[in-house]
N, C-alpha and C. Protein backbone atom coordinates (compact mmCIF):
# COMPACT_ATOMS: atom_id res chain seq x y z
N MET A 1 20.74 -7.26 21.87
CA MET A 1 20.80 -8.23 20.80
C MET A 1 20.44 -7.51 19.67
N ALA A 2 21.06 -8.27 18.57
CA ALA A 2 21.36 -7.99 16.91
C ALA A 2 19.67 -7.30 16.36
N PRO A 3 19.31 -6.63 15.39
CA PRO A 3 18.30 -6.16 14.78
C PRO A 3 17.80 -7.86 13.64
N ILE A 4 16.62 -7.65 13.92
CA ILE A 4 15.95 -9.06 13.44
C ILE A 4 15.15 -8.14 12.07
N GLU A 5 15.42 -8.61 10.98
CA GLU A 5 14.62 -8.46 9.75
C GLU A 5 13.75 -8.84 9.45
N VAL A 6 12.32 -8.32 9.21
CA VAL A 6 10.98 -9.12 9.13
C VAL A 6 10.62 -8.92 7.92
N LYS A 7 10.36 -10.06 6.96
CA LYS A 7 10.02 -9.76 5.45
C LYS A 7 8.51 -9.77 5.58
N VAL A 8 8.36 -8.55 4.91
CA VAL A 8 6.60 -8.40 5.05
C VAL A 8 6.01 -8.10 3.51
N ILE A 9 4.70 -8.89 3.43
CA ILE A 9 4.43 -9.78 2.18
C ILE A 9 2.83 -9.13 2.47
N TRP A 10 2.69 -8.08 1.33
CA TRP A 10 1.28 -7.99 1.45
C TRP A 10 0.47 -8.01 0.22
N ASP A 11 -0.56 -8.18 0.67
CA ASP A 11 -1.89 -8.89 -0.80
C ASP A 11 -2.49 -7.71 -0.74
N PHE A 12 -2.20 -6.37 -1.45
CA PHE A 12 -3.04 -4.87 -1.12
C PHE A 12 -4.41 -5.38 -1.68
N GLN A 13 -4.67 -6.08 -2.44
CA GLN A 13 -6.02 -6.54 -3.48
C GLN A 13 -7.41 -6.64 -1.76
N ASN A 14 -6.58 -7.31 -1.26
CA ASN A 14 -7.50 -7.78 -0.31
C ASN A 14 -7.14 -7.31 1.10
N ALA A 15 -6.59 -6.53 1.63
CA ALA A 15 -6.17 -5.59 2.60
C ALA A 15 -5.68 -3.95 2.37
N TRP A 16 -6.45 -3.43 2.20
CA TRP A 16 -6.01 -2.03 1.14
C TRP A 16 -5.89 -1.16 2.61
N VAL A 17 -5.76 0.12 2.43
CA VAL A 17 -5.69 1.21 3.18
C VAL A 17 -6.40 1.93 3.24
N HIS A 18 -7.49 2.28 3.72
CA HIS A 18 -8.53 2.85 3.38
C HIS A 18 -8.33 4.43 3.49
N ASP A 19 -7.39 4.75 4.65
CA ASP A 19 -6.94 6.15 4.68
C ASP A 19 -6.03 6.00 3.52
N GLU A 20 -5.95 6.69 2.14
CA GLU A 20 -5.24 6.94 0.94
C GLU A 20 -4.33 8.09 1.33
N SER A 21 -4.65 8.79 2.23
CA SER A 21 -4.04 10.28 2.14
C SER A 21 -2.46 9.94 1.99
N TYR A 22 -1.37 10.90 1.43
CA TYR A 22 -0.08 10.82 1.30
C TYR A 22 0.54 10.59 2.72
N ASP A 23 -0.07 11.56 4.02
CA ASP A 23 0.69 10.98 5.08
C ASP A 23 0.72 9.69 5.36
N SER A 24 -0.62 9.05 5.09
CA SER A 24 -0.33 7.92 5.73
C SER A 24 0.23 6.75 5.06
N ARG A 25 -0.15 6.79 3.68
CA ARG A 25 1.17 5.84 2.96
C ARG A 25 2.01 6.21 2.74
N SER A 26 2.86 7.63 3.42
CA SER A 26 4.45 7.85 3.71
C SER A 26 4.98 6.97 4.50
N LYS A 27 3.67 6.86 5.46
CA LYS A 27 4.48 5.92 6.70
C LYS A 27 3.74 4.60 7.21
N LEU A 28 3.46 4.07 5.85
CA LEU A 28 2.99 2.61 6.30
C LEU A 28 3.48 1.99 6.99
N LYS A 29 5.19 1.81 6.27
CA LYS A 29 6.28 0.80 6.53
C LYS A 29 6.75 1.11 8.24
N GLN A 30 6.96 2.73 8.06
CA GLN A 30 6.94 2.85 9.44
C GLN A 30 5.61 2.05 10.65
N ARG A 31 4.40 2.26 10.53
CA ARG A 31 3.85 2.18 11.35
C ARG A 31 3.98 0.84 11.49
N ILE A 32 3.87 -0.67 10.23
CA ILE A 32 4.05 -1.58 10.53
C ILE A 32 5.43 -1.92 11.69
N GLN A 33 6.57 -2.03 11.56
CA GLN A 33 7.11 -1.64 12.11
C GLN A 33 7.03 -1.22 13.63
N ASN A 34 6.05 -0.35 13.98
CA ASN A 34 5.94 0.41 15.16
C ASN A 34 5.19 -1.19 15.73
N SER A 35 3.93 -1.73 15.26
CA SER A 35 3.56 -2.35 15.40
C SER A 35 4.26 -3.57 16.27
N LEU A 36 5.31 -4.01 15.11
CA LEU A 36 5.89 -5.07 15.32
C LEU A 36 7.29 -4.87 16.72
N ASN A 37 7.47 -3.61 16.67
CA ASN A 37 8.11 -3.09 17.50
C ASN A 37 7.25 -3.32 19.10
N LEU A 38 6.12 -3.69 19.13
CA LEU A 38 5.29 -3.46 20.41
C LEU A 38 5.98 -4.65 20.83
N ILE A 39 6.24 -6.00 19.89
CA ILE A 39 6.41 -7.29 20.41
C ILE A 39 8.18 -7.66 20.48
N ASN A 40 8.57 -7.23 20.06
CA ASN A 40 10.36 -7.10 19.52
C ASN A 40 10.58 -5.84 19.37
N ARG A 41 11.15 -5.57 20.66
CA ARG A 41 12.27 -3.89 19.76
C ARG A 41 13.08 -4.12 18.80
N ASN A 42 13.67 -5.38 18.07
CA ASN A 42 14.85 -5.57 17.80
C ASN A 42 13.90 -5.78 15.90
N TYR A 43 12.87 -5.81 16.00
CA TYR A 43 12.22 -6.41 14.60
C TYR A 43 12.75 -4.97 14.03
N PHE A 44 12.90 -5.32 12.27
CA PHE A 44 12.96 -4.06 11.39
C PHE A 44 12.44 -4.43 10.30
N VAL A 45 11.81 -3.75 9.41
CA VAL A 45 11.32 -3.75 8.05
C VAL A 45 12.43 -3.05 7.26
N HIS A 46 12.58 -4.00 6.77
CA HIS A 46 13.51 -3.33 5.16
C HIS A 46 13.01 -2.53 3.97
N LYS A 47 11.92 -3.56 3.53
CA LYS A 47 10.93 -3.17 2.27
C LYS A 47 9.41 -3.74 2.23
N VAL A 48 8.79 -3.15 2.38
CA VAL A 48 7.58 -3.98 2.03
C VAL A 48 7.04 -4.42 0.59
N ILE A 49 6.71 -5.83 0.38
CA ILE A 49 6.37 -6.70 -0.87
C ILE A 49 5.38 -6.26 -1.19
N VAL A 50 5.06 -5.53 -2.03
CA VAL A 50 3.56 -5.91 -2.46
C VAL A 50 3.13 -6.39 -3.87
N VAL A 51 1.74 -7.26 -3.74
CA VAL A 51 1.43 -8.37 -4.50
C VAL A 51 0.21 -8.00 -5.21
N GLY A 52 0.03 -7.94 -6.22
CA GLY A 52 -0.96 -7.63 -6.98
C GLY A 52 -1.06 -7.17 -8.42
N PRO A 53 -2.06 -6.79 -9.42
CA PRO A 53 -2.23 -6.09 -10.41
C PRO A 53 -1.40 -4.19 -10.12
N ARG A 54 -1.22 -4.25 -11.42
CA ARG A 54 -0.38 -2.61 -11.13
C ARG A 54 -1.74 -1.82 -11.19
N ASN A 55 -2.26 -1.19 -10.76
CA ASN A 55 -3.53 -0.07 -10.63
C ASN A 55 -3.25 1.01 -10.13
N ALA A 56 -4.36 1.72 -9.82
CA ALA A 56 -4.41 2.92 -9.32
C ALA A 56 -4.23 2.98 -7.97
N LYS A 57 -4.64 1.50 -7.00
CA LYS A 57 -4.49 1.66 -5.95
C LYS A 57 -2.57 1.50 -5.58
N SER A 58 -2.24 0.69 -6.43
CA SER A 58 -0.64 0.73 -6.28
C SER A 58 0.00 1.52 -6.93
N ARG A 59 -0.53 2.11 -7.21
CA ARG A 59 0.33 3.27 -8.26
C ARG A 59 0.22 4.95 -7.11
N LEU A 60 -0.98 4.38 -5.80
CA LEU A 60 -0.25 5.07 -5.17
C LEU A 60 0.97 5.35 -4.00
N LEU A 61 1.10 3.75 -4.22
CA LEU A 61 2.34 3.38 -3.25
C LEU A 61 4.02 3.47 -4.04
N GLU A 62 3.48 3.77 -5.06
CA GLU A 62 4.95 3.97 -6.51
C GLU A 62 5.63 5.09 -5.80
N ALA A 63 5.07 5.75 -5.06
CA ALA A 63 5.71 7.28 -4.77
C ALA A 63 6.96 7.03 -3.38
N PHE A 64 6.92 5.78 -3.01
CA PHE A 64 7.73 5.45 -2.16
C PHE A 64 8.64 4.12 -2.62
N PRO A 65 9.42 4.35 -3.35
CA PRO A 65 10.34 3.15 -3.79
C PRO A 65 11.36 2.51 -2.45
N ASN A 66 11.35 3.35 -1.19
CA ASN A 66 12.43 3.03 -0.27
C ASN A 66 11.91 2.02 0.83
N ASP A 67 10.26 2.04 0.80
CA ASP A 67 9.63 1.51 1.27
C ASP A 67 8.90 -0.07 0.71
N PHE A 68 8.74 0.12 -0.96
CA PHE A 68 8.00 -0.67 -0.92
C PHE A 68 8.71 -1.50 -2.69
N ASP A 69 8.67 -2.50 -2.64
CA ASP A 69 9.15 -3.14 -4.08
C ASP A 69 7.76 -4.09 -4.61
N PHE A 70 7.47 -4.10 -5.74
CA PHE A 70 6.32 -4.56 -6.19
C PHE A 70 6.35 -5.79 -7.09
N ILE A 71 5.35 -6.61 -6.61
CA ILE A 71 5.65 -7.53 -7.43
C ILE A 71 4.28 -7.89 -8.45
N TYR A 72 4.02 -7.24 -9.64
CA TYR A 72 2.99 -7.02 -10.77
C TYR A 72 2.63 -7.62 -11.10
N LEU A 73 1.25 -8.31 -11.29
CA LEU A 73 0.43 -9.60 -11.85
C LEU A 73 -0.45 -8.51 -12.75
N PRO A 74 -0.58 -9.57 -14.21
CA PRO A 74 -1.37 -8.45 -15.17
C PRO A 74 -2.60 -8.68 -14.59
N ASP A 75 -3.64 -7.81 -14.62
CA ASP A 75 -4.98 -7.53 -14.13
C ASP A 75 -5.86 -7.58 -14.95
N ASP A 76 -5.77 -8.92 -15.15
CA ASP A 76 -6.73 -9.68 -16.04
C ASP A 76 -6.71 -11.43 -15.41
N ASN A 77 -7.70 -11.61 -15.45
CA ASN A 77 -8.16 -13.12 -15.64
C ASN A 77 -7.65 -14.24 -16.87
N ILE A 78 -7.29 -15.66 -16.41
CA ILE A 78 -6.90 -16.39 -17.07
C ILE A 78 -8.25 -17.01 -17.47
N ARG A 79 -8.61 -17.44 -18.83
CA ARG A 79 -9.37 -18.33 -19.41
C ARG A 79 -9.30 -19.56 -19.95
N CYS A 80 -10.26 -20.23 -20.09
CA CYS A 80 -9.40 -21.28 -20.59
C CYS A 80 -9.72 -21.61 -21.72
N GLY A 81 -10.97 -20.15 -22.64
CA GLY A 81 -11.10 -19.97 -23.68
C GLY A 81 -12.34 -20.47 -24.30
N ARG A 82 -12.92 -21.90 -23.78
CA ARG A 82 -14.31 -22.91 -23.97
C ARG A 82 -15.60 -21.93 -23.00
N PRO A 83 -16.56 -22.00 -24.17
CA PRO A 83 -17.72 -21.62 -23.56
C PRO A 83 -17.75 -22.24 -22.59
N GLN A 84 -19.03 -21.79 -21.20
CA GLN A 84 -19.85 -22.59 -20.25
C GLN A 84 -20.37 -23.89 -21.31
N PRO A 85 -20.78 -24.96 -20.64
CA PRO A 85 -20.57 -25.48 -18.94
C PRO A 85 -18.44 -25.55 -19.17
N PRO A 86 -18.46 -26.54 -18.08
CA PRO A 86 -16.96 -26.59 -17.56
C PRO A 86 -15.70 -26.90 -18.22
N CYS A 87 -14.38 -26.91 -18.37
CA CYS A 87 -13.90 -26.15 -19.43
C CYS A 87 -12.88 -27.71 -18.76
N GLY A 88 -12.84 -28.37 -18.12
CA GLY A 88 -12.47 -29.60 -17.62
C GLY A 88 -12.01 -29.34 -16.31
N ASN A 89 -11.07 -30.40 -15.86
CA ASN A 89 -10.44 -30.38 -14.67
C ASN A 89 -9.23 -28.95 -14.16
N MET A 90 -9.68 -28.09 -14.49
CA MET A 90 -9.27 -26.53 -13.83
C MET A 90 -9.03 -26.81 -12.10
N VAL A 91 -7.37 -25.69 -11.86
CA VAL A 91 -7.81 -25.72 -10.70
C VAL A 91 -9.04 -25.06 -9.81
N ASN A 92 -9.11 -23.87 -11.03
CA ASN A 92 -10.12 -22.87 -9.66
C ASN A 92 -10.97 -22.70 -11.37
N ARG A 93 -12.51 -22.56 -10.61
CA ARG A 93 -13.43 -22.59 -12.31
C ARG A 93 -14.28 -20.95 -11.76
N SER A 94 -14.76 -20.22 -12.04
CA SER A 94 -15.77 -19.34 -11.66
C SER A 94 -16.51 -18.98 -13.31
N GLN A 95 -17.44 -18.52 -13.09
CA GLN A 95 -18.31 -17.79 -14.26
C GLN A 95 -17.85 -16.41 -14.51
N ASP A 96 -17.30 -15.95 -15.85
CA ASP A 96 -17.29 -14.67 -15.85
C ASP A 96 -18.17 -14.25 -17.01
N ASN A 97 -19.13 -13.50 -16.67
CA ASN A 97 -20.48 -12.98 -17.44
C ASN A 97 -20.12 -12.02 -18.67
N THR A 98 -19.20 -11.35 -18.41
CA THR A 98 -19.13 -10.37 -19.80
C THR A 98 -18.57 -11.10 -20.95
N ASN A 99 -18.31 -12.45 -21.02
CA ASN A 99 -17.90 -12.94 -22.55
C ASN A 99 -18.09 -14.65 -22.55
N ASN A 100 -19.49 -15.22 -21.07
CA ASN A 100 -19.35 -16.43 -21.51
C ASN A 100 -18.48 -17.34 -21.57
N THR A 101 -17.31 -17.40 -20.90
CA THR A 101 -16.23 -17.86 -20.72
C THR A 101 -16.00 -18.51 -18.99
N GLN A 102 -15.29 -19.84 -19.43
CA GLN A 102 -14.71 -19.97 -17.92
C GLN A 102 -13.67 -19.59 -17.33
N LEU A 103 -13.30 -19.02 -16.39
CA LEU A 103 -12.54 -18.49 -15.97
C LEU A 103 -11.08 -19.98 -15.02
N VAL A 104 -10.78 -19.69 -15.71
CA VAL A 104 -9.51 -20.83 -14.94
C VAL A 104 -8.98 -20.23 -13.48
N MET A 105 -8.06 -19.20 -13.62
CA MET A 105 -8.37 -18.28 -11.94
C MET A 105 -8.02 -16.78 -12.18
N ARG A 106 -8.61 -16.29 -11.17
CA ARG A 106 -8.51 -14.73 -11.15
C ARG A 106 -7.22 -13.97 -11.01
N THR A 107 -7.48 -12.67 -10.99
CA THR A 107 -6.13 -12.01 -10.51
C THR A 107 -5.72 -12.24 -9.34
N THR A 108 -7.03 -12.06 -8.31
CA THR A 108 -6.96 -12.15 -6.87
C THR A 108 -6.05 -13.33 -5.97
N ASP A 109 -6.59 -14.58 -6.94
CA ASP A 109 -6.49 -15.97 -6.94
C ASP A 109 -4.87 -16.19 -6.92
N ARG A 110 -4.16 -15.43 -8.26
CA ARG A 110 -2.61 -15.33 -8.45
C ARG A 110 -1.97 -14.97 -7.88
N ALA A 111 -2.66 -13.89 -7.53
CA ALA A 111 -1.99 -12.38 -5.96
C ALA A 111 -1.89 -13.53 -5.05
N ASP A 112 -2.68 -14.58 -4.47
CA ASP A 112 -2.32 -15.16 -3.21
C ASP A 112 -1.24 -16.02 -3.34
N LEU A 113 -1.64 -16.70 -4.52
CA LEU A 113 -0.32 -17.60 -4.74
C LEU A 113 0.71 -17.63 -5.24
N ARG A 114 1.27 -16.20 -5.58
CA ARG A 114 2.19 -15.36 -5.45
C ARG A 114 2.83 -15.06 -3.88
N ALA A 115 1.70 -14.74 -3.50
CA ALA A 115 2.28 -14.20 -2.03
C ALA A 115 2.60 -15.10 -1.01
N VAL A 116 2.02 -16.74 -1.56
CA VAL A 116 2.32 -17.77 -0.97
C VAL A 116 3.79 -18.39 -1.13
N MET A 117 3.82 -18.41 -2.60
CA MET A 117 5.30 -18.29 -3.13
C MET A 117 6.54 -17.47 -2.34
N LYS A 118 5.99 -15.99 -1.98
CA LYS A 118 7.12 -15.56 -2.04
C LYS A 118 7.38 -15.75 -0.44
N MET A 119 6.72 -16.01 0.13
CA MET A 119 6.47 -16.78 1.94
C MET A 119 7.57 -17.80 1.86
N HIS A 120 7.11 -18.64 1.08
CA HIS A 120 8.30 -19.99 1.24
C HIS A 120 9.62 -19.75 1.00
N GLU A 121 9.53 -18.77 -0.02
CA GLU A 121 11.35 -18.25 -0.58
C GLU A 121 11.78 -17.67 0.31
N PHE A 122 11.47 -17.06 1.25
CA PHE A 122 11.71 -15.89 2.24
C PHE A 122 12.07 -17.38 3.53
N VAL A 123 11.11 -18.26 3.72
CA VAL A 123 11.42 -18.88 5.00
C VAL A 123 12.34 -20.18 4.08
N LEU A 124 12.80 -20.24 3.25
CA LEU A 124 13.59 -21.63 3.06
C LEU A 124 15.22 -20.91 2.66
N SER A 125 14.73 -19.63 2.50
CA SER A 125 16.22 -18.81 2.37
C SER A 125 16.76 -18.21 3.51
N GLY A 126 16.04 -18.54 4.80
CA GLY A 126 16.66 -18.63 6.15
C GLY A 126 16.22 -17.20 6.40
N PHE A 127 14.80 -16.95 5.87
CA PHE A 127 14.06 -16.07 6.93
C PHE A 127 13.16 -16.45 7.93
N THR A 128 13.45 -16.60 9.33
CA THR A 128 12.53 -16.84 10.06
C THR A 128 11.20 -16.22 10.30
N ASP A 129 11.62 -14.93 10.34
CA ASP A 129 10.06 -13.68 10.79
C ASP A 129 10.13 -13.20 9.49
N VAL A 130 8.39 -13.34 9.16
CA VAL A 130 7.82 -13.27 8.30
C VAL A 130 6.41 -12.70 8.57
N LEU A 131 6.18 -11.70 8.29
CA LEU A 131 4.53 -11.15 7.84
C LEU A 131 3.80 -11.16 6.61
N VAL A 132 2.79 -11.81 6.98
CA VAL A 132 2.12 -11.71 5.54
C VAL A 132 0.62 -10.76 6.24
N ILE A 133 0.24 -9.64 5.06
CA ILE A 133 -0.95 -9.21 5.36
C ILE A 133 -1.74 -9.55 4.30
N GLN A 134 -2.80 -9.76 4.57
CA GLN A 134 -3.81 -10.58 3.79
C GLN A 134 -5.10 -9.97 4.08
N GLY A 135 -6.06 -10.79 3.14
CA GLY A 135 -7.73 -10.20 3.77
C GLY A 135 -8.37 -11.52 3.15
N ASP A 136 -8.02 -12.61 3.14
CA ASP A 136 -8.68 -14.29 3.10
C ASP A 136 -8.15 -15.26 3.29
N VAL A 137 -9.04 -15.93 3.37
CA VAL A 137 -8.56 -17.61 3.95
C VAL A 137 -7.93 -18.64 3.26
N ASP A 138 -7.79 -18.34 1.51
CA ASP A 138 -6.89 -19.15 0.85
C ASP A 138 -4.91 -18.95 1.80
N TYR A 139 -4.99 -18.30 2.47
CA TYR A 139 -3.20 -17.97 3.08
C TYR A 139 -3.54 -19.13 4.66
N LEU A 140 -4.27 -19.62 5.11
CA LEU A 140 -4.61 -20.37 6.28
C LEU A 140 -3.46 -21.46 6.29
N SER A 141 -4.06 -22.72 5.45
CA SER A 141 -3.21 -23.47 4.86
C SER A 141 -1.55 -23.84 5.20
N PRO A 142 -0.91 -22.76 3.90
CA PRO A 142 0.02 -22.71 3.74
C PRO A 142 0.81 -21.92 5.04
N ILE A 143 0.73 -21.08 5.72
CA ILE A 143 0.86 -20.35 7.04
C ILE A 143 1.10 -21.49 8.22
N GLN A 144 -0.10 -22.25 8.34
CA GLN A 144 -0.16 -23.26 9.60
C GLN A 144 1.36 -24.27 9.12
N LYS A 145 1.57 -24.64 8.01
CA LYS A 145 2.35 -25.56 7.86
C LYS A 145 3.59 -25.23 7.86
N VAL A 146 3.99 -24.15 7.38
CA VAL A 146 5.26 -23.05 7.59
C VAL A 146 5.54 -22.81 9.04
N ASN A 147 4.57 -22.57 10.21
CA ASN A 147 4.89 -22.01 11.38
C ASN A 147 5.46 -22.83 12.27
N SER A 148 5.78 -24.58 11.48
CA SER A 148 6.32 -25.16 12.48
C SER A 148 7.62 -24.78 12.47
N PHE A 149 8.44 -24.05 11.22
CA PHE A 149 9.78 -24.30 11.33
C PHE A 149 9.57 -22.34 11.26
N ALA A 150 9.04 -21.79 11.28
CA ALA A 150 9.27 -20.52 10.59
C ALA A 150 8.30 -19.62 11.85
N ASN A 151 8.16 -18.52 12.00
CA ASN A 151 7.21 -17.41 12.82
C ASN A 151 6.63 -16.68 11.90
N VAL A 152 5.46 -16.84 11.42
CA VAL A 152 4.87 -16.21 10.43
C VAL A 152 3.66 -15.69 10.97
N MET A 153 3.50 -14.06 10.89
CA MET A 153 2.67 -13.50 11.64
C MET A 153 1.81 -13.11 10.44
N VAL A 154 0.95 -12.58 10.72
CA VAL A 154 -0.29 -11.98 10.09
C VAL A 154 -0.93 -10.79 10.35
N ALA A 155 -1.28 -10.06 9.35
CA ALA A 155 -2.65 -8.63 9.57
C ALA A 155 -3.48 -9.07 8.76
N LYS A 156 -4.97 -9.03 9.27
CA LYS A 156 -5.72 -9.27 8.18
C LYS A 156 -6.79 -8.34 9.03
N PRO A 157 -7.39 -8.10 7.66
CA PRO A 157 -8.74 -6.95 7.85
C PRO A 157 -9.90 -7.14 9.21
N ASN A 158 -10.41 -6.10 9.70
CA ASN A 158 -11.16 -6.43 10.67
C ASN A 158 -12.74 -7.11 9.83
N THR A 159 -12.55 -8.21 9.52
CA THR A 159 -13.93 -9.18 8.71
C THR A 159 -14.52 -10.53 8.92
N ASP A 160 -15.18 -10.54 8.72
CA ASP A 160 -16.12 -12.08 9.02
C ASP A 160 -15.17 -12.94 8.19
N SER A 161 -14.57 -12.65 6.69
CA SER A 161 -14.56 -13.49 6.31
C SER A 161 -13.19 -13.79 6.33
N CYS A 162 -12.46 -13.32 7.62
CA CYS A 162 -11.13 -13.85 8.29
C CYS A 162 -10.93 -13.88 8.89
N ALA A 163 -11.94 -14.34 10.02
CA ALA A 163 -12.19 -14.20 11.27
C ALA A 163 -11.08 -15.69 11.48
N HIS A 164 -11.00 -16.81 11.01
CA HIS A 164 -10.26 -17.52 11.46
C HIS A 164 -8.72 -17.78 10.57
N MET A 165 -8.25 -16.58 10.27
CA MET A 165 -6.99 -16.81 9.96
C MET A 165 -6.03 -16.40 10.74
N MET A 166 -5.15 -17.02 11.51
CA MET A 166 -4.08 -16.95 12.80
C MET A 166 -2.83 -17.03 12.37
N GLY A 167 -1.70 -16.28 12.17
CA GLY A 167 -0.71 -17.08 12.47
C GLY A 167 -0.08 -16.75 13.82
N ALA A 168 1.40 -17.28 13.87
CA ALA A 168 1.88 -17.03 15.07
C ALA A 168 1.56 -15.79 16.05
N ARG A 169 1.56 -14.54 15.12
CA ARG A 169 0.85 -13.55 16.00
C ARG A 169 0.03 -13.17 15.01
N THR A 170 -1.42 -12.14 15.59
CA THR A 170 -1.69 -12.31 14.88
C THR A 170 -2.69 -10.66 14.84
N TRP A 171 -2.27 -9.80 14.05
CA TRP A 171 -2.93 -8.32 14.09
C TRP A 171 -4.15 -7.85 13.50
N ILE A 172 -4.98 -6.98 13.78
CA ILE A 172 -6.32 -6.63 12.73
C ILE A 172 -5.25 -5.49 11.97
N TRP A 173 -5.21 -5.43 10.55
CA TRP A 173 -4.49 -4.63 10.16
C TRP A 173 -4.75 -3.13 10.31
N GLU A 174 -5.99 -2.81 9.86
CA GLU A 174 -6.78 -1.49 10.31
C GLU A 174 -5.80 -0.85 11.22
N ASP A 175 -5.87 -1.44 12.59
CA ASP A 175 -5.08 -1.37 13.77
C ASP A 175 -3.49 -1.16 13.63
N MET A 176 -2.93 -2.27 12.69
CA MET A 176 -1.62 -2.26 13.09
C MET A 176 -0.61 -1.41 12.19
N ILE A 177 -1.63 -0.62 11.51
CA ILE A 177 -0.96 0.86 11.24
C ILE A 177 -1.80 1.99 11.66
N SER A 178 -2.20 2.45 12.38
CA SER A 178 -2.81 3.18 13.08
C SER A 178 -1.64 3.89 13.47
N PRO A 179 -1.66 5.65 13.87
CA PRO A 179 -0.37 5.98 14.07
C PRO A 179 0.07 5.71 15.29
N GLN A 180 -0.44 5.11 16.28
CA GLN A 180 0.03 4.48 17.35
C GLN A 180 0.61 3.32 17.46
N GLY A 181 0.07 2.72 16.44
CA GLY A 181 0.69 1.32 16.08
C GLY A 181 -0.25 0.54 17.12
N SER A 182 -0.55 -1.31 17.15
CA SER A 182 -1.18 -2.12 18.37
C SER A 182 -0.59 -3.16 18.10
N TYR A 183 -0.92 -3.66 19.43
CA TYR A 183 -0.28 -5.14 19.67
C TYR A 183 -1.59 -6.21 18.95
N PRO A 184 -0.67 -7.50 18.74
CA PRO A 184 -1.28 -8.63 18.40
C PRO A 184 -2.83 -8.83 19.32
N ILE A 185 -3.92 -9.38 18.44
CA ILE A 185 -4.85 -9.94 19.02
C ILE A 185 -4.69 -10.98 20.01
N ASP A 186 -3.65 -11.76 19.57
CA ASP A 186 -3.25 -13.42 20.04
C ASP A 186 -2.37 -13.01 21.12
């Protein structure tokens, strides 16, 4: 059987690697592939697409350009520029107490949106096997919709906030990247 490329999108802000050692980072892509190979030995990962701001965490991964491609977002929030109260009918509003203005969208929300867009781009380009590594439920609805015609798998942290997040196959992120790999939980 022919190799099957799995497109991997990682929202690293919400699903970080807690073991930040060089050894762990250098083997991250291979460990993801090892877990995928437990369910299909033909799966392979070319590169992991890392989505989020360029910061100290993402810089730890830049030493491995053969394993990761980066979609960097500015590490700032988008403000509507008006003081509290509301800034009209904005998509996402939350208060930023540092300057008493209202946020239209936080950096983490923009990373979520960019990762979902990348997932759709891959599926619309003909890739039917996608792994989304994320740490919040913002992906739930888009993944459910895309899974009707693609195989969108999920790796999520072992936290209560992700309890309902499921893909076609679902892994606990910390287990997936363990040296021995892991099977999905479903």
